[in-house]
Protein backbone atom coordinates (compact mmCIF):
# COMPACT_ATOMS: atom_id res chain seq x y z
CA MET A 1 86.64 61.30 -8.76
CA CYS A 2 84.52 60.48 -5.85
CA GLY A 3 85.51 59.53 -3.04
CA THR A 4 86.94 60.71 0.87
CA GLU A 5 90.92 61.49 1.11
CA ASP A 6 92.93 60.63 4.32
CA ALA A 7 95.50 62.71 6.46
CA SER A 8 98.15 61.93 3.87
CA GLY A 9 96.18 63.16 1.06
CA ARG A 10 95.38 59.56 -0.55
CA HIS A 11 91.76 58.75 -1.81
CA THR A 12 89.97 56.16 0.73
CA LYS A 13 86.81 54.38 -1.09
CA PRO A 14 84.55 56.66 -2.61
CA ALA A 15 81.91 56.84 -0.16
CA ILE A 16 78.69 57.11 -3.03
CA VAL A 17 76.06 57.70 0.22
CA HIS A 18 78.19 61.45 0.91
CA CYS A 19 78.60 61.41 -2.65
CA PRO A 20 77.03 63.95 -4.93
CA GLN A 21 78.13 63.76 -8.76
CA PHE A 22 77.01 59.45 -7.83
CA ILE A 23 73.59 61.20 -6.86
CA ALA A 24 73.40 63.77 -9.86
CA SER A 25 74.55 61.44 -12.14
CA ASN A 26 72.30 58.93 -11.47
CA LEU A 27 69.11 61.21 -11.05
CA THR A 28 68.11 60.48 -14.41
CA MET A 29 67.90 56.77 -14.04
CA PHE A 30 64.96 58.39 -11.36
CA SER A 31 62.62 60.15 -13.96
CA SER A 32 59.30 61.06 -13.40
CA SER A 33 58.22 58.67 -15.71
CA VAL A 34 60.21 55.72 -13.63
CA LEU A 35 59.41 57.24 -10.33
CA ARG A 36 55.23 56.13 -11.90
CA ARG A 37 55.77 53.63 -13.44
CA ARG A 38 57.65 52.00 -10.13
CA ASP A 39 54.64 53.93 -8.06
CA TRP A 40 51.57 52.05 -10.57
CA LEU A 41 54.15 48.72 -10.48
CA LEU A 42 54.34 48.88 -6.45
CA ARG A 43 50.10 49.46 -6.01
CA VAL A 44 48.93 46.69 -7.85
CA GLY A 45 51.52 44.71 -6.22
CA VAL A 46 50.12 45.44 -2.83
CA LEU A 47 46.72 45.04 -3.89
CA LEU A 48 47.28 41.54 -5.76
CA ALA A 49 49.02 40.93 -2.69
CA ALA A 50 46.39 42.29 -0.34
CA THR A 51 43.33 40.35 -2.14
CA PRO A 52 43.12 37.26 -0.75
CA VAL A 53 43.44 38.51 3.11
CA TRP A 54 40.25 41.14 1.19
CA ALA A 55 38.59 37.91 0.41
CA GLN A 56 39.57 36.17 3.77
CA SER A 57 38.18 38.78 5.64
CA GLY A 58 34.71 39.72 4.00
CA ARG A 59 31.60 38.06 4.76
CA ALA A 60 31.94 34.64 6.15
CA ALA A 61 29.83 31.10 5.05
CA THR A 62 27.52 30.53 7.26
CA LEU A 63 25.40 27.96 8.43
CA PRO A 64 22.15 27.56 10.34
CA ALA A 65 22.34 27.55 14.18
CA ALA A 66 20.01 24.38 15.41
CA GLN A 67 16.86 25.57 17.07
CA SER A 68 14.90 23.11 17.32
CA LEU A 69 16.05 19.33 15.47
CA PRO A 70 12.50 17.71 15.50
CA GLU A 71 11.07 20.38 12.96
CA GLU A 72 15.11 21.16 11.09
CA LEU A 73 14.92 17.28 10.49
CA ALA A 74 11.36 16.72 9.49
CA ARG A 75 12.50 19.04 6.90
CA ALA A 76 15.14 17.07 5.83
CA LEU A 77 12.64 14.12 5.72
CA LYS A 78 10.18 16.06 3.50
CA ASN A 79 13.17 16.28 0.68
CA LYS A 80 13.69 12.54 1.33
CA GLN A 81 17.17 13.16 2.31
CA PRO A 82 19.13 12.66 5.96
CA LEU A 83 19.89 15.91 8.32
CA ILE A 84 23.26 17.27 8.52
CA VAL A 85 24.11 19.20 11.85
CA MET A 86 27.56 19.82 12.03
CA VAL A 87 29.28 20.10 15.50
CA SER A 88 31.98 22.99 14.99
CA LEU A 89 34.84 25.43 17.23
CA GLU A 90 35.09 28.83 17.01
CA GLY A 91 38.16 29.24 15.86
CA CYS A 92 38.33 26.49 13.71
CA VAL A 93 40.30 26.77 10.55
CA PHE A 94 38.74 22.87 9.16
CA CYS A 95 35.37 23.76 10.21
CA ARG A 96 35.37 27.20 8.49
CA GLN A 97 36.83 25.54 4.91
CA ALA A 98 34.90 22.42 5.17
CA ARG A 99 31.92 25.52 5.80
CA GLN A 100 33.08 27.42 2.86
CA SER A 101 33.56 25.17 -0.07
CA HIS A 102 31.16 22.20 0.61
CA LEU A 103 28.35 22.58 3.08
CA SER A 104 27.35 26.80 2.86
CA PRO A 105 26.74 25.84 -1.25
CA MET A 106 24.56 22.53 -0.77
CA ALA A 107 22.27 24.38 2.09
CA LEU A 108 22.09 26.85 -0.36
CA ALA A 109 21.47 24.33 -3.01
CA GLY A 110 18.42 23.27 -0.20
CA THR A 111 19.76 20.48 1.72
CA ALA A 112 19.06 20.70 5.28
CA ILE A 113 22.22 21.08 7.17
CA VAL A 114 22.21 23.08 10.68
CA GLN A 115 25.60 23.61 12.91
CA VAL A 116 25.74 22.77 16.44
CA ASP A 117 28.81 24.91 18.55
CA MET A 118 30.95 23.32 20.63
CA ARG A 119 31.14 25.08 23.46
CA ASN A 120 28.05 27.04 23.18
CA ASN A 121 25.10 27.11 25.62
CA GLN A 122 22.86 28.27 22.75
CA PRO A 123 19.42 26.39 23.56
CA VAL A 124 18.37 23.89 21.24
CA LEU A 125 15.40 21.22 21.27
CA ASP A 126 16.87 18.09 21.25
CA PHE A 127 14.89 14.81 18.84
CA ALA A 128 12.89 14.18 21.61
CA GLY A 129 11.69 18.18 22.26
CA LYS A 130 13.33 18.31 25.29
CA LEU A 131 15.26 21.90 25.80
CA THR A 132 19.41 21.39 25.83
CA THR A 133 22.01 23.55 24.62
CA HIS A 134 24.43 23.46 22.26
CA ASP A 135 27.54 21.98 24.27
CA GLU A 136 25.32 19.04 25.96
CA LEU A 137 24.57 17.81 22.55
CA THR A 138 28.14 17.44 21.16
CA ARG A 139 28.63 15.79 25.25
CA ARG A 140 25.70 13.64 24.68
CA TRP A 141 26.70 12.54 20.80
CA LYS A 142 30.64 11.74 21.77
CA VAL A 143 32.25 14.55 19.70
CA SER A 144 35.62 15.47 21.31
CA ILE A 145 37.01 16.14 17.38
CA THR A 146 35.86 18.97 15.00
CA PRO A 147 34.63 19.32 12.56
CA THR A 148 32.45 16.44 12.85
CA LEU A 149 29.61 16.26 10.29
CA LEU A 150 26.40 13.42 11.51
CA PHE A 151 23.16 12.23 9.16
CA PHE A 152 20.48 11.96 11.08
CA GLY A 153 17.68 9.66 9.93
CA PRO A 154 14.16 9.26 10.50
CA GLY A 155 13.63 8.92 15.18
CA GLY A 156 17.04 10.85 14.97
CA LYS A 157 19.19 7.95 14.70
CA GLU A 158 22.96 8.09 12.82
CA VAL A 159 22.40 6.58 9.10
CA ALA A 160 25.34 7.06 8.05
CA GLU A 161 28.58 7.11 8.78
CA ARG A 162 29.90 9.94 11.19
CA MET A 163 32.82 12.03 9.18
CA GLU A 164 34.75 12.93 11.88
CA GLY A 165 38.29 16.12 11.24
CA ALA A 166 39.78 17.33 8.29
CA TYR A 167 39.91 15.44 5.21
CA LEU A 168 42.09 16.02 2.21
CA PRO A 169 40.22 19.04 0.78
CA ASP A 170 40.70 16.55 -2.95
CA PHE A 171 38.45 14.37 -1.06
CA TYR A 172 36.55 15.74 1.62
CA GLY A 173 33.44 15.76 -1.33
CA PRO A 174 33.29 12.62 -2.30
CA TYR A 175 33.28 11.40 1.02
CA LEU A 176 30.33 13.43 1.76
CA GLU A 177 28.77 12.63 -1.40
CA GLU A 178 29.05 9.02 -0.19
CA ARG A 179 27.65 9.55 3.15
CA MET A 180 24.66 11.37 2.11
CA ALA A 181 24.24 8.63 -0.48
CA GLN A 182 24.32 5.99 2.99
CA GLY A 183 22.19 8.13 4.55
CA ARG A 184 19.67 8.40 1.50
CA LYS A 185 19.91 4.03 1.36
CA ALA A 186 19.30 3.81 5.32
CA MET A 187 15.64 5.96 4.75
């Protein structure tokens, strides 16, 4: 029997941690094949758990930064579509989600989309051809929430209702399609 004795010689509760007989009798449970299987399962589990982190840490979806709004608008109008300007903010989770799920694929398919970054002093030519900054444009357009999508047509006028803030992911695409249709109709 495995255990300890007190001063009177009576056995107390088994001390499993310190009992060599318990350890020896259970070593078969940890045979090399079981250890290899457990090691393999542990590694697979860690890999599966880490996959979403690696996927997110990969190259993030990006949009071109606005540099010359007159040129970017001309490119959009040539394709008979409004220019979409996404106002974003560094670190904005909802901006990243909109960019990755909807806007980057649209840009890759040929839709004219540029990004203006709130609180960023990157230079840009406004629709009048005057040099300004991204941050100044967001103030001039009275954008206070990100992401905000603006839809511009001829003359740099807004041709569809803005999309402000985060929408339910299931509805973002349909709302975006609706705004694009409004923009095309107004042109």
